[in-house]
Protein backbone atom coordinates (compact mmCIF):
# COMPACT_ATOMS: atom_id res chain seq x y z
CA MET A 1 0.00 0.00 0.00
CA THR A 2 1.23 3.49 -0.81
CA GLY A 3 0.01 6.85 0.41
CA VAL A 4 -2.05 7.74 3.46
CA LYS A 5 -5.80 7.10 3.55
CA ASN A 6 -7.90 9.37 5.77
CA VAL A 7 -10.64 7.43 7.57
CA THR A 8 -13.45 9.11 9.50
CA VAL A 9 -14.65 7.14 12.52
CA SER A 10 -17.65 7.98 14.71
CA ALA A 11 -18.35 4.75 16.61
CA SER A 12 -16.43 2.14 18.59
CA ASP A 13 -17.34 -0.76 16.33
CA GLN A 14 -16.06 1.14 13.29
CA LEU A 15 -12.73 1.72 15.01
CA GLN A 16 -12.50 -1.91 16.08
CA GLU A 17 -12.97 -3.02 12.48
CA VAL A 18 -10.32 -0.58 11.22
CA PHE A 19 -7.80 -1.95 13.71
CA ARG A 20 -8.61 -5.61 13.02
CA GLN A 21 -8.17 -5.18 9.29
CA ALA A 22 -5.01 -3.13 9.78
CA GLN A 23 -3.51 -5.88 11.96
CA GLN A 24 -4.15 -8.42 9.21
CA ASP A 25 -2.65 -6.15 6.57
CA ARG A 26 0.12 -4.89 8.87
CA ASN A 27 -0.97 -1.45 7.82
CA PRO A 28 0.06 1.49 10.10
CA VAL A 29 -2.73 3.45 11.78
CA TYR A 30 -2.09 7.00 13.00
CA LEU A 31 -3.99 9.23 15.40
CA TYR A 32 -2.86 12.48 17.07
CA ARG A 33 0.47 12.03 15.27
CA LYS A 34 1.97 12.98 11.93
CA PRO A 35 1.42 10.00 9.60
CA GLY A 36 4.23 8.12 7.91
CA GLU A 37 4.49 7.65 4.14
CA HIS A 38 1.64 5.14 4.04
CA GLY A 39 -1.14 3.81 6.22
CA ILE A 40 -4.38 5.09 7.72
CA SER A 41 -4.88 8.46 9.37
CA LEU A 42 -7.90 8.46 11.68
CA ASP A 43 -10.30 11.40 11.99
CA LEU A 44 -12.55 11.36 15.08
CA SER A 45 -13.76 14.97 14.80
CA GLN A 46 -17.33 13.98 13.91
CA TRP A 47 -17.58 11.78 17.00
CA ASN A 48 -18.48 14.76 19.15
CA GLU A 49 -21.95 14.49 20.70
CA ILE A 50 -22.13 14.62 24.53
CA GLU A 51 -23.67 11.32 25.66
CA VAL A 52 -24.64 12.12 29.27
CA PHE A 53 -24.68 15.38 31.21
CA ASP A 54 -25.52 14.66 34.85
CA VAL A 55 -25.79 18.02 36.65
CA ASP A 56 -26.85 16.49 39.98
CA ASN A 57 -23.81 14.21 40.14
CA LEU A 58 -21.39 16.68 38.51
CA MET A 59 -20.48 14.23 35.77
CA ALA A 60 -20.47 14.03 31.99
CA ILE A 61 -19.84 11.17 29.56
CA VAL A 62 -18.32 12.35 26.31
CA PRO A 63 -16.76 10.94 23.10
CA PRO A 64 -13.19 11.55 21.89
CA GLY A 65 -13.97 14.09 19.15
CA LEU A 66 -15.64 16.70 21.39
CA LEU A 67 -13.50 19.85 21.62
CA LEU A 68 -12.59 21.12 25.08
CA LYS A 69 -13.97 24.56 24.26
CA ASP A 70 -17.33 23.05 23.25
CA LEU A 71 -17.40 20.95 26.41
CA ASN A 72 -16.67 24.01 28.56
CA LYS A 73 -19.34 26.02 26.77
CA ALA A 74 -21.93 23.30 27.39
CA ALA A 75 -20.88 23.00 31.03
CA ALA A 76 -20.95 26.78 31.58
CA ALA A 77 -24.53 26.92 30.29
CA LYS A 78 -25.44 24.67 33.24
CA GLY A 79 -23.39 26.62 35.78
CA LEU A 80 -20.55 24.05 35.71
CA ARG A 81 -17.03 23.70 34.36
CA PHE A 82 -14.58 21.00 33.41
CA ILE A 83 -11.47 22.23 35.21
CA PRO A 84 -8.82 21.24 32.59
CA ALA A 85 -10.87 23.10 29.95
CA ASP A 86 -11.50 26.21 32.08
CA SER A 87 -9.06 28.39 30.14
CA PRO A 88 -8.36 28.99 26.43
CA ILE A 89 -4.86 27.53 26.60
CA LEU A 90 -5.84 24.10 25.20
CA GLU A 91 -9.32 24.92 23.91
CA SER A 92 -8.77 23.48 20.40
CA LEU A 93 -7.85 20.03 21.68
CA SER A 94 -10.45 17.29 21.56
CA VAL A 95 -11.12 15.34 24.75
CA GLY A 96 -9.44 12.34 23.13
CA GLU A 97 -6.24 14.20 22.34
CA TRP A 98 -6.26 15.83 25.79
CA ALA A 99 -6.25 12.33 27.29
CA HIS A 100 -3.58 11.17 24.79
CA ARG A 101 -1.32 13.97 26.03
CA GLY A 102 -1.64 12.82 29.61
CA CYS A 103 -4.53 15.09 30.71
CA PRO A 104 -2.71 18.45 31.04
CA ASN A 105 -4.31 20.99 33.36
CA LEU A 106 -3.44 24.68 33.66
CA LEU A 107 -5.40 24.82 36.94
CA SER A 108 -3.41 22.04 38.61
CA TRP A 109 -1.86 24.41 41.19
CA LYS A 110 -5.18 24.73 43.00
CA TYR A 111 -7.27 21.84 41.71
CA GLY A 112 -4.78 19.03 41.18
CA ALA A 113 -3.67 16.98 38.20
CA GLY A 114 -5.93 16.74 35.16
CA LYS A 115 -6.19 12.95 35.55
CA HIS A 116 -8.14 13.51 38.76
CA PHE A 117 -10.99 14.75 36.58
CA LEU A 118 -11.05 11.59 34.48
CA LEU A 119 -13.16 9.10 36.44
CA GLY A 120 -13.37 6.37 33.85
CA SER A 121 -13.02 5.63 30.17
CA SER A 122 -13.39 3.04 27.44
CA TYR A 123 -10.57 2.12 25.09
CA VAL A 124 -10.20 0.29 21.81
CA PHE A 125 -6.86 -1.48 21.61
CA PRO A 126 -4.88 -1.85 18.37
CA ASN A 127 -5.87 -5.52 18.19
CA GLY A 128 -9.52 -4.51 17.94
CA GLU A 129 -10.53 -5.39 21.51
CA ILE A 130 -12.47 -2.91 23.66
CA THR A 131 -12.55 -2.45 27.43
CA ALA A 132 -14.00 -0.06 30.02
CA VAL A 133 -11.92 1.03 33.03
CA GLY A 134 -12.74 3.19 36.04
CA GLY A 135 -16.31 4.27 36.62
CA LYS A 136 -18.66 7.13 37.41
CA CYS A 137 -17.24 7.74 40.87
CA ILE A 138 -13.83 7.49 42.54
CA LYS A 139 -14.97 4.56 44.72
CA ASN A 140 -15.18 2.42 41.59
CA VAL A 141 -11.42 2.71 41.10
CA SER A 142 -9.65 -0.11 42.94
CA GLY A 143 -6.60 -2.26 42.31
CA TYR A 144 -4.46 -1.26 39.33
CA ASP A 145 -5.40 2.16 37.98
CA LEU A 146 -5.73 1.36 34.28
CA THR A 147 -7.47 4.66 33.56
CA ARG A 148 -4.31 6.61 34.39
CA PHE A 149 -2.01 4.00 32.87
CA LEU A 150 -3.79 4.13 29.51
CA THR A 151 -3.67 7.93 29.52
CA GLY A 152 0.10 7.98 29.94
CA ALA A 153 1.24 10.94 27.87
CA TYR A 154 1.93 9.93 24.24
CA ALA A 155 2.14 6.25 25.21
CA ASP A 156 0.03 5.09 22.21
CA LEU A 157 -1.37 2.06 24.03
CA ALA A 158 -4.99 2.42 22.91
CA VAL A 159 -7.59 4.88 21.61
CA GLY A 160 -9.98 6.38 24.15
CA VAL A 161 -13.53 6.22 22.80
CA GLN A 162 -15.56 7.30 25.83
CA PHE A 163 -14.62 9.44 28.83
CA VAL A 164 -16.38 9.87 32.18
CA LEU A 165 -15.46 13.35 33.40
CA LYS A 166 -15.78 15.01 36.78
CA LEU A 167 -17.32 18.51 36.69
CA MET A 168 -17.30 21.34 39.22
CA PRO A 169 -19.51 24.39 39.81
CA GLN A 170 -18.53 27.70 38.24
CA PRO A 171 -16.91 30.07 40.76
CA ALA A 172 -18.94 33.06 41.87
CA CYS A 173 -16.01 35.41 41.32
CA ARG A 174 -12.82 35.54 39.24
CA LEU A 175 -10.05 38.11 39.30
CA ARG A 176 -7.15 38.05 36.85
CA TYR A 177 -3.77 39.77 37.20
CA ASP A 178 -1.32 40.53 34.39
CA VAL A 179 1.98 41.93 35.66
CA GLU A 180 5.67 42.19 34.83
CA VAL A 181 8.64 41.97 37.18
CA ALA A 182 12.26 42.83 36.45
CA SER A 183 13.88 39.44 36.98
CA LEU A 184 13.22 35.73 37.15
CA GLU A 185 14.23 35.81 40.81
CA ALA A 186 11.44 38.32 41.46
CA ALA A 187 9.00 36.13 39.53
CA SER A 188 9.97 33.12 41.66
CA LYS A 189 9.62 35.21 44.80
CA LEU A 190 6.10 36.22 43.80
CA ALA A 191 5.22 32.58 43.11
CA GLY A 192 6.56 31.70 46.55
CA GLU A 193 4.50 34.43 48.20
CA LEU A 194 1.37 33.19 46.46
CA GLN A 195 2.24 29.61 47.43
CA SER A 196 2.39 30.65 51.11
CA ARG A 197 -1.34 31.36 51.14
CA PRO A 198 -3.66 28.61 52.45
CA VAL A 199 -5.21 28.37 48.98
CA PRO A 200 -3.18 29.26 45.86
CA PRO A 201 -4.48 31.01 42.74
CA ALA A 202 -6.44 28.86 40.29
CA TRP A 203 -3.53 29.10 37.85
CA LEU A 204 -0.37 31.06 37.08
CA TYR A 205 1.36 31.40 33.71
CA TRP A 206 4.79 32.91 33.20
CA ALA A 207 6.96 33.83 30.22
CA ASP A 208 10.39 35.41 29.90
CA PRO A 209 10.85 38.36 27.47
CA ILE A 210 11.72 36.31 24.36
CA ALA A 211 9.08 33.61 24.77
CA GLY A 212 6.46 36.10 26.02
CA THR A 213 6.92 38.44 23.08
CA LYS A 214 6.31 35.51 20.73
CA LEU A 215 3.40 34.01 22.67
CA PHE A 216 1.43 37.15 23.43
CA GLY A 217 2.25 39.14 20.30
CA GLN A 218 3.41 42.13 22.35
CA LYS A 219 6.89 43.49 22.99
CA GLN A 220 7.80 42.35 26.48
CA GLN A 221 10.62 43.81 28.56
CA GLY A 222 10.41 41.90 31.84
CA GLN A 223 9.20 38.58 33.20
CA ARG A 224 5.45 38.35 32.61
CA ILE A 225 3.15 36.66 35.09
CA ILE A 226 -0.57 36.16 34.48
CA PHE A 227 -2.65 34.50 37.19
CA GLU A 228 -6.24 34.19 38.30
CA LEU A 229 -8.00 34.02 41.65
CA ASP A 230 -11.35 32.30 41.88
CA GLY A 231 -13.90 31.46 44.57
CA ASN A 232 -16.72 33.27 46.33
CA GLU A 233 -16.66 37.07 46.26
CA ALA A 234 -15.56 37.56 49.87
CA GLU A 235 -12.77 35.00 49.49
CA VAL A 236 -11.44 36.57 46.30
CA ASN A 237 -11.61 40.13 47.67
CA ASP A 238 -9.71 39.05 50.79
CA TYR A 239 -7.10 37.31 48.69
CA ALA A 240 -6.80 40.31 46.37
CA ALA A 241 -5.91 42.58 49.26
CA ALA A 242 -3.03 40.26 50.18
CA VAL A 243 -1.94 39.93 46.54
CA ASN A 244 -1.73 43.69 46.09
CA LYS A 245 0.75 43.83 48.96
CA MET A 246 2.78 40.99 47.43
CA LEU A 247 2.96 42.82 44.10
CA THR A 248 4.32 45.90 45.85
CA VAL A 249 7.00 43.87 47.66
CA CYS A 250 8.05 42.21 44.38
CA LYS A 251 7.97 45.56 42.54
CA ALA A 252 5.53 44.21 39.99
CA LYS A 253 3.96 46.53 37.45
CA ASN A 254 0.69 46.05 35.62
CA ALA A 255 1.22 45.09 31.98
CA ALA A 256 0.70 48.05 29.65
CA VAL A 257 -1.71 46.02 27.53
CA LYS A 258 -3.38 43.05 29.17
CA ALA A 259 -2.81 39.83 27.26
CA LYS A 260 -5.25 37.07 26.50
CA LEU A 261 -3.95 33.60 27.19
CA PRO A 262 -3.13 32.09 23.79
CA ASP A 263 -4.42 28.77 22.52
CA LEU A 264 -1.35 26.54 22.72
CA SER A 265 -3.08 23.36 21.56
CA TYR A 266 -0.85 22.88 18.52
CA LEU A 267 2.04 25.17 19.44
CA GLU A 268 4.63 22.49 18.69
CA THR A 269 3.46 22.12 15.10
CA LYS A 270 4.25 25.74 14.28
CA GLU A 271 6.86 26.31 11.63
CA GLU A 272 8.13 29.44 13.43
CA GLY A 273 10.75 28.03 15.73
CA PHE A 274 11.07 24.94 17.90
CA TRP A 275 8.64 24.54 20.80
CA LEU A 276 8.82 21.87 23.50
CA VAL A 277 6.13 21.71 26.18
CA ASP A 278 5.51 19.24 29.01
CA GLU A 279 9.11 17.99 29.09
CA PHE A 280 10.66 19.68 32.14
CA LYS A 281 9.29 19.81 35.67
CA ILE A 282 11.47 21.70 38.13
CA PRO A 283 10.84 22.99 41.68
CA TYR A 284 10.26 26.69 41.17
CA PRO A 285 13.19 27.75 43.43
CA GLY A 286 15.45 25.99 40.90
CA VAL A 287 14.00 27.61 37.79
CA SER A 288 16.57 30.45 37.83
CA LYS A 289 19.43 27.95 37.78
CA PHE A 290 17.73 25.99 35.00
CA ALA A 291 17.27 29.22 33.01
CA GLU A 292 21.01 29.91 33.33
CA THR A 293 21.76 26.49 31.83
CA VAL A 294 19.33 27.13 28.97
CA LYS A 295 20.83 30.56 28.28
CA LYS A 296 24.36 29.12 28.21
CA ALA A 297 23.35 26.20 25.96
CA LEU A 298 21.58 28.55 23.54
CA LYS A 299 24.65 30.79 23.38
CA GLU A 300 26.91 27.82 22.66
CA ASN A 301 24.77 27.02 19.62
CA ASN A 302 24.34 30.66 18.55
CA TRP A 303 20.58 30.31 19.02
CA GLU A 304 18.04 32.63 20.59
CA GLY A 305 15.19 31.38 22.73
CA GLY A 306 13.36 31.53 26.02
CA LEU A 307 11.27 29.77 28.64
CA PHE A 308 7.62 29.89 29.68
CA GLY A 309 5.03 27.81 31.50
CA GLN A 310 3.38 27.08 34.82
CA LEU A 311 6.10 28.53 37.03
CA ALA A 312 4.53 27.68 40.39
CA ASP A 313 3.97 24.06 39.31
CA GLY A 314 7.50 23.87 37.90
CA LYS A 315 6.20 22.94 34.44
CA ILE A 316 8.72 24.75 32.26
CA ASN A 317 8.51 24.89 28.46
CA LEU A 318 11.12 25.77 25.85
CA TYR A 319 11.12 28.02 22.79
CA VAL A 320 14.02 28.25 20.32
CA LYS A 321 13.81 30.60 17.35
CA LYS A 322 15.63 28.10 15.15
CA ALA A 323 12.99 25.71 13.74
CA ASP A 324 15.27 22.67 13.39
CA ILE A 325 17.56 22.25 16.39
CA GLY A 326 19.12 19.30 14.58
CA THR A 327 20.56 17.42 17.57
CA ASN A 328 19.44 15.74 20.76
CA ILE A 329 22.55 16.88 22.65
CA PHE A 330 20.98 20.25 23.47
CA ILE A 331 17.83 18.68 24.91
CA THR A 332 19.82 16.02 26.77
CA LYS A 333 21.82 18.72 28.54
CA LEU A 334 18.62 20.41 29.72
CA GLN A 335 17.12 17.09 30.82
CA ASP A 336 20.23 16.36 32.90
CA GLN A 337 20.05 19.80 34.51
CA ALA A 338 16.36 19.39 35.34
CA ARG A 339 17.13 16.14 37.19
CA ALA A 340 20.15 17.69 38.94
CA LEU A 341 17.85 20.38 40.36
CA GLY A 342 15.53 17.80 41.87
CA GLY A 343 13.09 17.91 39.00
CA VAL A 344 12.21 15.43 36.29
CA SER A 345 12.34 15.01 32.55
CA THR A 346 9.02 13.50 31.51
CA GLY A 347 10.40 11.69 28.45
CA LYS A 348 7.90 13.45 26.19
CA TYR A 349 10.70 14.57 23.82
CA GLU A 350 11.81 10.98 23.21
CA ARG A 351 8.21 9.82 22.74
CA VAL A 352 7.41 12.49 20.17
CA HIS A 353 10.74 13.06 18.42
CA GLY A 354 12.64 9.85 19.08
CA ALA A 355 12.24 6.12 19.51
CA GLY A 356 10.07 6.21 22.62
CA GLY A 357 10.32 6.57 26.37
CA SER A 358 12.81 5.00 28.75
CA GLY A 359 12.83 3.62 32.28
CA ALA A 360 10.70 1.07 34.11
CA LEU A 361 7.38 2.55 33.00
CA ALA A 362 8.49 2.52 29.36
CA VAL A 363 9.38 -1.18 29.66
CA LEU A 364 5.94 -1.91 31.10
CA GLU A 365 4.29 0.07 28.29
CA LYS A 366 6.37 -1.73 25.65
CA ASN A 367 5.40 -5.15 26.98
CA PHE A 368 1.74 -4.14 27.18
CA LYS A 369 1.85 -2.78 23.63
CA GLN A 370 3.40 -5.97 22.26
CA CYS A 371 0.45 -7.91 23.67
CA MET A 372 -2.26 -5.55 22.43
CA ASP A 373 -0.60 -4.46 19.18
CA PRO A 374 1.19 -7.55 17.82
CA ALA A 375 1.88 -6.04 14.39
CA GLN A 376 2.98 -2.71 15.94
CA ILE A 377 0.62 -0.79 13.69
CA PHE A 378 -0.53 2.02 15.98
CA ASN A 379 1.52 5.21 15.62
CA ARG A 380 4.68 3.54 14.40
CA PRO A 381 7.81 5.54 15.28
CA ALA A 382 8.31 6.62 11.67
CA GLY A 383 5.11 8.64 12.02
CA VAL A 384 6.24 10.23 15.25
CA ILE A 385 8.91 12.42 13.64
CA LYS A 386 7.84 16.07 13.57
């Protein structure tokens, strides 16, 4: 077979049949990845009708093709929200691709990891089998947590076809800040001050001058920090009074033009530069040291770039103006530094741009995949290259 065939799927049995036939033909099947030179590229975008919306139990059952922004709009109409979708930063992702990426959540500082909002799911494996894991409430999760295992970021173990999601009420009040400080040390200090409160902000997003100028489309001189408080009105007003004092101590200035959080759903597919998100997680006191390593490594290669991300959570992302960085040595150096600072390298870079993950979890995933994908058809590594 030559060329790539686009196949639209809108039901589990259709997907099962595609996989069964592909296993027989040893034909690659791609989803949420760039296809190789031949095979099948799946399109689940029409599989997008909400199946159940249970307001009383704060729960929804949805298919993989539903966009996060459409889910959040439907939830908001009922006075609810799906926390990982409660910002525009990933609004163009479908629920299925959100799960494929490991359930990222901008609001994790206050509300916890995105996977906490995935109660259960159903998956079609590359051999055509289907299974349901988890349930409609946390009590149904016992023994091995297959829901979280199958949503390991970029693991390509199966295709999620139904998701049971936990919802929460909309807050009565929100208050957003958009400020700049002179240095990364001041930004880290502000994050530390906010962390010292009994309840942190809902989210905080940071960008240095180079990355911020590119992301927000505005010339940026200092370190930009955008964050939001949410809760009842009295709670937010009380918090705001404390925040205003923190901003004075950290010599923060209001941004000249307030920025809207950009949609970063497909940031890494942009032709303008090299973007790497969800790779580095570093305790925020160590971010300054990590930034020094990045700056030195960029200079050694005569590149220009910057950092951005969820500073308080330590989720630090990379931007390099050069589109093709051409070597893994640069990334390896940053991964080593992240670990030296007490942080982690998630292995996302190897999964997306290389031959796959490493470590004990990667071995477990490989063995699982060999059982459920005997012909190794699903997202073959050749289709993983950007």
